[in-house]
C-alpha atoms as a PDB file:
ATOM      1  CA  UNK A   1      -0.017  11.843  11.553  1.00  0.00           C
ATOM      2  CA  UNK A   2       1.337   8.358  11.178  1.00  0.00           C
ATOM      3  CA  UNK A   3       1.805   7.866  14.873  1.00  0.00           C
ATOM      4  CA  UNK A   4       4.307   5.061  14.250  1.00  0.00           C
ATOM      5  CA  UNK A   5       1.797   3.033  12.376  1.00  0.00           C
ATOM      6  CA  UNK A   6       3.138   0.595   9.782  1.00  0.00           C
ATOM      7  CA  UNK A   7       1.563   0.195   6.380  1.00  0.00           C
ATOM      8  CA  UNK A   8      -1.806  -1.451   6.572  1.00  0.00           C
ATOM      9  CA  UNK A   9      -0.855  -3.562   3.632  1.00  0.00           C
ATOM     10  CA  UNK A  10       0.593  -7.069   4.402  1.00  0.00           C
ATOM     11  CA  UNK A  11       4.191  -7.750   3.528  1.00  0.00           C
ATOM     12  CA  UNK A  12       3.060  -9.853   0.601  1.00  0.00           C
ATOM     13  CA  UNK A  13       1.207  -6.959  -0.987  1.00  0.00           C
ATOM     14  CA  UNK A  14       2.440  -5.529  -4.261  1.00  0.00           C
ATOM     15  CA  UNK A  15       5.461  -3.280  -3.819  1.00  0.00           C
ATOM     16  CA  UNK A  16       3.603  -0.359  -5.423  1.00  0.00           C
ATOM     17  CA  UNK A  17       1.214  -0.232  -2.406  1.00  0.00           C
ATOM     18  CA  UNK A  18       4.182  -0.099  -0.038  1.00  0.00           C
ATOM     19  CA  UNK A  19       5.786   2.631  -2.161  1.00  0.00           C
ATOM     20  CA  UNK A  20       2.614   4.687  -1.952  1.00  0.00           C
ATOM     21  CA  UNK A  21       2.339   4.268   1.817  1.00  0.00           C
ATOM     22  CA  UNK A  22       6.040   5.082   2.437  1.00  0.00           C
ATOM     23  CA  UNK A  23       5.643   8.295   0.278  1.00  0.00           C
ATOM     24  CA  UNK A  24       2.437   9.276   2.246  1.00  0.00           C
ATOM     25  CA  UNK A  25       4.080   8.480   5.633  1.00  0.00           C
ATOM     26  CA  UNK A  26       7.190  10.452   4.894  1.00  0.00           C
ATOM     27  CA  UNK A  27       5.139  13.495   4.086  1.00  0.00           C
ATOM     28  CA  UNK A  28       2.618  12.985   6.873  1.00  0.00           C
ATOM     29  CA  UNK A  29       5.330  12.739   9.423  1.00  0.00           C
ATOM     30  CA  UNK A  30       5.763  16.448   9.160  1.00  0.00           C
ATOM     31  CA  UNK A  31       2.486  16.941  11.098  1.00  0.00           C
ATOM     32  CA  UNK A  32       0.270  17.703   8.100  1.00  0.00           C
ATOM     33  CA  UNK A  33      -1.542  15.556   5.491  1.00  0.00           C
ATOM     34  CA  UNK A  34       0.011  15.766   2.095  1.00  0.00           C
ATOM     35  CA  UNK A  35      -1.982  16.893  -0.982  1.00  0.00           C
ATOM     36  CA  UNK A  36      -2.396  14.778  -4.061  1.00  0.00           C
ATOM     37  CA  UNK A  37       0.094  17.040  -5.798  1.00  0.00           C
ATOM     38  CA  UNK A  38       2.636  16.452  -2.921  1.00  0.00           C
ATOM     39  CA  UNK A  39       2.320  12.711  -3.433  1.00  0.00           C
ATOM     40  CA  UNK A  40       3.131  13.172  -7.190  1.00  0.00           C
ATOM     41  CA  UNK A  41      -0.331  12.159  -8.479  1.00  0.00           C
ATOM     42  CA  UNK A  42       0.424  13.200 -12.087  1.00  0.00           C
ATOM     43  CA  UNK A  43       3.501  10.980 -12.144  1.00  0.00           C
ATOM     44  CA  UNK A  44       1.731   8.165 -10.315  1.00  0.00           C
ATOM     45  CA  UNK A  45      -0.980   8.117 -12.913  1.00  0.00           C
ATOM     46  CA  UNK A  46       1.584   7.783 -15.655  1.00  0.00           C
ATOM     47  CA  UNK A  47       3.432   4.823 -14.037  1.00  0.00           C
ATOM     48  CA  UNK A  48       0.623   3.049 -12.214  1.00  0.00           C
ATOM     49  CA  UNK A  49      -2.368   2.057 -14.368  1.00  0.00           C
ATOM     50  CA  UNK A  50      -4.413   1.436 -11.223  1.00  0.00           C
ATOM     51  CA  UNK A  51      -3.764   4.871  -9.682  1.00  0.00           C
ATOM     52  CA  UNK A  52      -6.771   6.978  -8.811  1.00  0.00           C
ATOM     53  CA  UNK A  53      -7.733  10.247  -7.039  1.00  0.00           C
ATOM     54  CA  UNK A  54     -11.093   9.998  -5.178  1.00  0.00           C
ATOM     55  CA  UNK A  55     -12.378  13.363  -4.060  1.00  0.00           C
ATOM     56  CA  UNK A  56     -14.773  13.883  -1.031  1.00  0.00           C
ATOM     57  CA  UNK A  57     -17.742  16.109  -1.749  1.00  0.00           C
ATOM     58  CA  UNK A  58     -20.420  17.039   0.802  1.00  0.00           C
ATOM     59  CA  UNK A  59     -24.049  16.161   0.144  1.00  0.00           C
ATOM     60  CA  UNK A  60     -26.917  18.501   1.054  1.00  0.00           C
ATOM     61  CA  UNK A  61     -27.962  16.309   3.911  1.00  0.00           C
ATOM     62  CA  UNK A  62     -24.460  16.243   5.392  1.00  0.00           C
ATOM     63  CA  UNK A  63     -23.204  12.857   4.318  1.00  0.00           C
ATOM     64  CA  UNK A  64     -20.246  12.534   1.880  1.00  0.00           C
ATOM     65  CA  UNK A  65     -20.082  11.600  -1.777  1.00  0.00           C
ATOM     66  CA  UNK A  66     -16.892   9.904  -3.117  1.00  0.00           C
ATOM     67  CA  UNK A  67     -16.099  10.802  -6.760  1.00  0.00           C
ATOM     68  CA  UNK A  68     -13.407   9.142  -8.948  1.00  0.00           C
ATOM     69  CA  UNK A  69     -11.883  12.399 -10.132  1.00  0.00           C
ATOM     70  CA  UNK A  70      -8.772  11.181 -11.927  1.00  0.00           C
ATOM     71  CA  UNK A  71      -8.412   7.500 -12.933  1.00  0.00           C
ATOM     72  CA  UNK A  72      -5.475   5.513 -14.382  1.00  0.00           C
ATOM     73  CA  UNK A  73      -5.843   3.596 -17.603  1.00  0.00           C
ATOM     74  CA  UNK A  74      -5.953   0.218 -15.890  1.00  0.00           C
ATOM     75  CA  UNK A  75      -9.480   0.830 -14.520  1.00  0.00           C
ATOM     76  CA  UNK A  76     -10.886   1.195 -17.973  1.00  0.00           C
ATOM     77  CA  UNK A  77      -8.893  -1.800 -19.232  1.00  0.00           C
ATOM     78  CA  UNK A  78     -10.164  -4.032 -16.486  1.00  0.00           C
ATOM     79  CA  UNK A  79     -13.698  -2.733 -16.046  1.00  0.00           C
ATOM     80  CA  UNK A  80     -14.493  -2.060 -19.716  1.00  0.00           C
ATOM     81  CA  UNK A  81     -15.960   1.401 -18.981  1.00  0.00           C
ATOM     82  CA  UNK A  82     -14.850   4.907 -17.958  1.00  0.00           C
ATOM     83  CA  UNK A  83     -15.288   5.620 -14.183  1.00  0.00           C
ATOM     84  CA  UNK A  84     -13.747   9.014 -14.130  1.00  0.00           C
ATOM     85  CA  UNK A  85     -16.225  11.641 -12.822  1.00  0.00           C
ATOM     86  CA  UNK A  86     -18.571   9.020 -11.350  1.00  0.00           C
ATOM     87  CA  UNK A  87     -19.285   8.604  -7.683  1.00  0.00           C
ATOM     88  CA  UNK A  88     -19.191   5.297  -5.800  1.00  0.00           C
ATOM     89  CA  UNK A  89     -23.072   5.376  -5.486  1.00  0.00           C
ATOM     90  CA  UNK A  90     -23.242   5.607  -9.302  1.00  0.00           C
ATOM     91  CA  UNK A  91     -20.766   2.732  -9.846  1.00  0.00           C
ATOM     92  CA  UNK A  92     -21.328   0.095  -7.188  1.00  0.00           C
ATOM     93  CA  UNK A  93     -24.163  -2.285  -6.809  1.00  0.00           C
ATOM     94  CA  UNK A  94     -26.826  -0.638  -4.603  1.00  0.00           C
ATOM     95  CA  UNK A  95     -26.439  -3.209  -1.837  1.00  0.00           C
ATOM     96  CA  UNK A  96     -22.759  -2.400  -1.646  1.00  0.00           C
ATOM     97  CA  UNK A  97     -22.929   1.431  -1.568  1.00  0.00           C
ATOM     98  CA  UNK A  98     -23.344   1.752   2.250  1.00  0.00           C
ATOM     99  CA  UNK A  99     -20.483  -0.629   2.884  1.00  0.00           C
ATOM    100  CA  UNK A 100     -18.048   1.190   0.534  1.00  0.00           C
ATOM    101  CA  UNK A 101     -19.095   4.617   1.912  1.00  0.00           C
ATOM    102  CA  UNK A 102     -18.590   3.418   5.454  1.00  0.00           C
ATOM    103  CA  UNK A 103     -15.036   2.395   4.617  1.00  0.00           C
ATOM    104  CA  UNK A 104     -14.262   5.710   2.922  1.00  0.00           C
ATOM    105  CA  UNK A 105     -15.930   7.611   5.809  1.00  0.00           C
ATOM    106  CA  UNK A 106     -13.592   5.831   8.206  1.00  0.00           C
ATOM    107  CA  UNK A 107     -10.506   6.940   6.150  1.00  0.00           C
ATOM    108  CA  UNK A 108     -11.796  10.608   6.274  1.00  0.00           C
ATOM    109  CA  UNK A 109     -12.636  10.467   9.975  1.00  0.00           C
ATOM    110  CA  UNK A 110      -9.453   8.788  11.009  1.00  0.00           C
ATOM    111  CA  UNK A 111      -7.163  10.356   8.370  1.00  0.00           C
ATOM    112  CA  UNK A 112      -5.383   6.979   7.950  1.00  0.00           C
ATOM    113  CA  UNK A 113      -4.627   4.725   5.039  1.00  0.00           C
ATOM    114  CA  UNK A 114      -6.860   1.726   4.148  1.00  0.00           C
ATOM    115  CA  UNK A 115      -5.841  -1.599   2.500  1.00  0.00           C
ATOM    116  CA  UNK A 116      -8.024  -4.389   1.274  1.00  0.00           C
ATOM    117  CA  UNK A 117      -8.043  -7.294  -1.074  1.00  0.00           C
ATOM    118  CA  UNK A 118     -11.368  -8.001  -2.647  1.00  0.00           C
ATOM    119  CA  UNK A 119     -13.308  -9.871  -5.319  1.00  0.00           C
ATOM    120  CA  UNK A 120     -15.548  -7.336  -7.093  1.00  0.00           C
ATOM    121  CA  UNK A 121     -18.198  -7.551  -9.681  1.00  0.00           C
ATOM    122  CA  UNK A 122     -20.032  -4.364  -9.034  1.00  0.00           C
ATOM    123  CA  UNK A 123     -18.948  -2.725 -12.271  1.00  0.00           C
ATOM    124  CA  UNK A 124     -19.282  -4.778 -15.432  1.00  0.00           C
ATOM    125  CA  UNK A 125     -20.034  -8.503 -15.505  1.00  0.00           C
ATOM    126  CA  UNK A 126     -16.709 -10.299 -14.694  1.00  0.00           C
ATOM    127  CA  UNK A 127     -15.306 -10.958 -11.210  1.00  0.00           C
ATOM    128  CA  UNK A 128     -12.127  -9.079 -10.497  1.00  0.00           C
ATOM    129  CA  UNK A 129      -9.749  -9.835  -7.608  1.00  0.00           C
ATOM    130  CA  UNK A 130      -7.644  -6.932  -6.623  1.00  0.00           C
ATOM    131  CA  UNK A 131      -5.746  -5.324  -3.786  1.00  0.00           C
ATOM    132  CA  UNK A 132      -5.619  -1.651  -3.158  1.00  0.00           C
ATOM    133  CA  UNK A 133      -4.236   0.993  -0.759  1.00  0.00           C
ATOM    134  CA  UNK A 134      -5.780   4.372  -0.390  1.00  0.00           C
ATOM    135  CA  UNK A 135      -4.190   7.221   1.512  1.00  0.00           C
ATOM    136  CA  UNK A 136      -5.900  10.383   2.713  1.00  0.00           C
ATOM    137  CA  UNK A 137      -4.913  13.646   1.141  1.00  0.00           C
ATOM    138  CA  UNK A 138      -5.691  17.305   1.985  1.00  0.00           C
ATOM    139  CA  UNK A 139      -5.285  20.649   0.305  1.00  0.00           C
ATOM    140  CA  UNK A 140      -5.125  22.508   3.596  1.00  0.00           C
ATOM    141  CA  UNK A 141      -3.030  19.831   5.408  1.00  0.00           C
ATOM    142  CA  UNK A 142      -5.718  19.192   7.966  1.00  0.00           C
ATOM    143  CA  UNK A 143      -9.061  18.329   6.427  1.00  0.00           C
ATOM    144  CA  UNK A 144      -9.164  15.128   4.345  1.00  0.00           C
ATOM    145  CA  UNK A 145     -10.625  16.076   1.026  1.00  0.00           C
ATOM    146  CA  UNK A 146      -9.701  13.066  -1.048  1.00  0.00           C
ATOM    147  CA  UNK A 147      -7.686   9.841  -1.402  1.00  0.00           C
ATOM    148  CA  UNK A 148      -4.866   8.798  -3.639  1.00  0.00           C
ATOM    149  CA  UNK A 149      -5.006   5.131  -4.267  1.00  0.00           C
ATOM    150  CA  UNK A 150      -3.463   2.252  -6.257  1.00  0.00           C
ATOM    151  CA  UNK A 151      -5.373  -0.765  -7.414  1.00  0.00           C
ATOM    152  CA  UNK A 152      -3.416  -3.920  -8.354  1.00  0.00           C
ATOM    153  CA  UNK A 153      -5.441  -6.545 -10.138  1.00  0.00           C
ATOM    154  CA  UNK A 154      -4.470 -10.119  -9.364  1.00  0.00           C
END
């Protein structure tokens, strides 16, 4: 699954992002995608306030909906609101939804991790600079049905 690909995060990225990638790559190297449980999501949520599980849900017309199913405490602390249970189209500014969904669609289609550093103000009123890594997960080992990610606010 990893095909010898290194972490998409730069060397200067927070060590927590590299740790998540290494854990995912070790498990993916066995020829199947790991599940969120395989990655230790429960423990990750306890030690990383920016941890999250985003689940992929099909829409009636065939596109995908991305729901923040489990969310670390850091998201509420930074954003000032609960995002657990909400989808990206309910949280992001309307002009950004297509962009975010395209990024998430690429992770699903390619079954590869994604890193970015961004300045965001879609939720709440303050600008937030963060870096994050999401890794694809699968309950059946083949079909991407979610992402485990870690956000680090800078």
